[in-house]
Amino acid sequence: MTQEPIIKTPVPAKNNKGTMLVLSLLFDFIGMVSYFVPVFAEVTDLFWAPISGILLVVMFKGTAGKLAGVFGFIEELLPFVDVIPTFTITWFYTYVIRGGKGQE
């Protein structure tokens, strides 16, 4: 019995631009949900602010992700500015303005 050699073909890099957009919209929505529950609005932001900052740094690589993480953290802690879609703005900057460079 002879075995044929296994030829491994390189897997092309997955383009996750669409997935990142959906996640960005979802996380921005989660950040704005506090407006639907007025009693717990700012209390929930205390928990969401660090999570939001970490997610931004993990999702978007490089300096843009770090800056967005700091901005997102501060934005979630400040009252009445939850309407700023930080994730979506960062996605737009990363994939439209910069063309996705540095996200590979």
Protein backbone atom coordinates (compact mmCIF):
# COMPACT_ATOMS: atom_id res chain seq x y z
CA MET A 1 0.00 0.00 0.00
CA THR A 2 1.32 3.35 -0.94
CA GLN A 3 -0.01 6.54 0.47
CA GLU A 4 -0.29 9.62 -1.58
CA PRO A 5 1.37 12.67 -0.06
CA ILE A 6 -1.00 15.07 1.58
CA ILE A 7 -0.83 18.43 -0.10
CA LYS A 8 -1.82 21.27 2.14
CA THR A 9 -3.12 24.28 0.32
CA PRO A 10 -2.90 27.59 2.10
CA VAL A 11 -6.21 28.80 3.40
CA PRO A 12 -6.91 32.31 2.19
CA ALA A 13 -7.25 34.95 4.86
CA LYS A 14 -10.83 35.31 5.94
CA ASN A 15 -12.29 38.71 5.23
CA ASN A 16 -14.16 39.51 8.42
CA LYS A 17 -15.19 43.03 7.44
CA GLY A 18 -18.90 42.15 7.48
CA THR A 19 -18.67 40.24 10.74
CA MET A 20 -16.87 43.15 12.38
CA LEU A 21 -19.59 45.55 11.19
CA VAL A 22 -22.36 43.37 12.63
CA LEU A 23 -20.50 43.05 15.94
CA SER A 24 -19.87 46.81 16.00
CA LEU A 25 -23.56 47.56 15.47
CA LEU A 26 -24.51 45.01 18.12
CA PHE A 27 -22.10 46.40 20.72
CA ASP A 28 -23.20 49.98 20.00
CA PHE A 29 -26.78 48.85 20.50
CA ILE A 30 -25.85 47.22 23.82
CA GLY A 31 -24.24 50.51 24.89
CA MET A 32 -27.43 52.41 24.05
CA VAL A 33 -29.78 49.94 25.75
CA SER A 34 -29.32 51.80 29.02
CA TYR A 35 -31.59 54.53 27.67
CA PHE A 36 -34.46 52.03 27.50
CA VAL A 37 -34.23 51.34 31.23
CA PRO A 38 -33.95 54.79 32.80
CA VAL A 39 -33.61 53.66 36.42
CA PHE A 40 -30.55 51.51 35.78
CA ALA A 41 -29.04 53.60 32.97
CA GLU A 42 -25.88 54.87 34.59
CA VAL A 43 -25.42 51.81 36.81
CA THR A 44 -25.30 49.52 33.79
CA ASP A 45 -22.81 51.87 32.15
CA LEU A 46 -20.42 51.32 35.06
CA PHE A 47 -20.30 47.64 34.09
CA TRP A 48 -20.38 48.15 30.32
CA ALA A 49 -17.62 50.81 30.18
CA PRO A 50 -14.65 48.51 30.88
CA ILE A 51 -16.11 45.73 28.75
CA SER A 52 -16.61 48.16 25.89
CA GLY A 53 -13.04 49.45 26.16
CA ILE A 54 -11.57 45.95 26.18
CA LEU A 55 -13.71 44.84 23.23
CA LEU A 56 -12.57 47.82 21.17
CA VAL A 57 -8.90 47.06 21.84
CA VAL A 58 -9.36 43.37 21.02
CA MET A 59 -11.50 43.90 17.90
CA PHE A 60 -9.44 46.66 16.30
CA LYS A 61 -5.69 46.20 16.24
CA GLY A 62 -3.03 48.85 16.58
CA THR A 63 -3.19 52.44 17.67
CA ALA A 64 -6.73 52.95 16.38
CA GLY A 65 -8.03 50.16 18.61
CA LYS A 66 -6.20 51.44 21.67
CA LEU A 67 -7.43 55.00 21.18
CA ALA A 68 -10.96 53.76 20.52
CA GLY A 69 -10.78 51.62 23.66
CA VAL A 70 -9.85 54.59 25.84
CA PHE A 71 -12.44 56.82 24.15
CA GLY A 72 -15.13 54.12 24.42
CA PHE A 73 -14.40 53.59 28.11
CA ILE A 74 -14.65 57.32 28.87
CA GLU A 75 -17.69 57.76 26.63
CA GLU A 76 -19.59 55.00 28.45
CA LEU A 77 -18.76 56.45 31.86
CA LEU A 78 -19.93 59.96 31.00
CA PRO A 79 -23.67 60.48 31.37
CA PHE A 80 -25.85 61.17 28.32
CA VAL A 81 -23.24 60.47 25.62
CA ASP A 82 -24.13 56.83 25.01
CA VAL A 83 -25.61 57.81 21.67
CA ILE A 84 -22.12 58.03 20.13
CA PRO A 85 -21.65 54.80 18.13
CA THR A 86 -17.98 54.28 19.05
CA PHE A 87 -17.71 50.75 17.64
CA THR A 88 -19.26 51.70 14.31
CA ILE A 89 -17.14 54.85 13.98
CA THR A 90 -14.02 52.78 14.67
CA TRP A 91 -15.13 50.18 12.11
CA PHE A 92 -15.71 52.93 9.53
CA TYR A 93 -12.28 54.43 10.21
CA THR A 94 -10.57 51.03 10.08
CA TYR A 95 -12.23 49.52 7.01
CA VAL A 96 -13.39 52.50 4.93
CA ILE A 97 -10.86 55.24 5.59
CA ARG A 98 -7.79 53.03 6.13
CA GLY A 99 -8.97 50.17 3.93
CA GLY A 100 -8.47 47.52 6.62
CA LYS A 101 -4.70 47.98 6.81
CA GLY A 102 -3.20 46.55 9.98
CA GLN A 103 -6.14 44.24 10.69
CA GLU A 104 -4.67 41.13 9.07
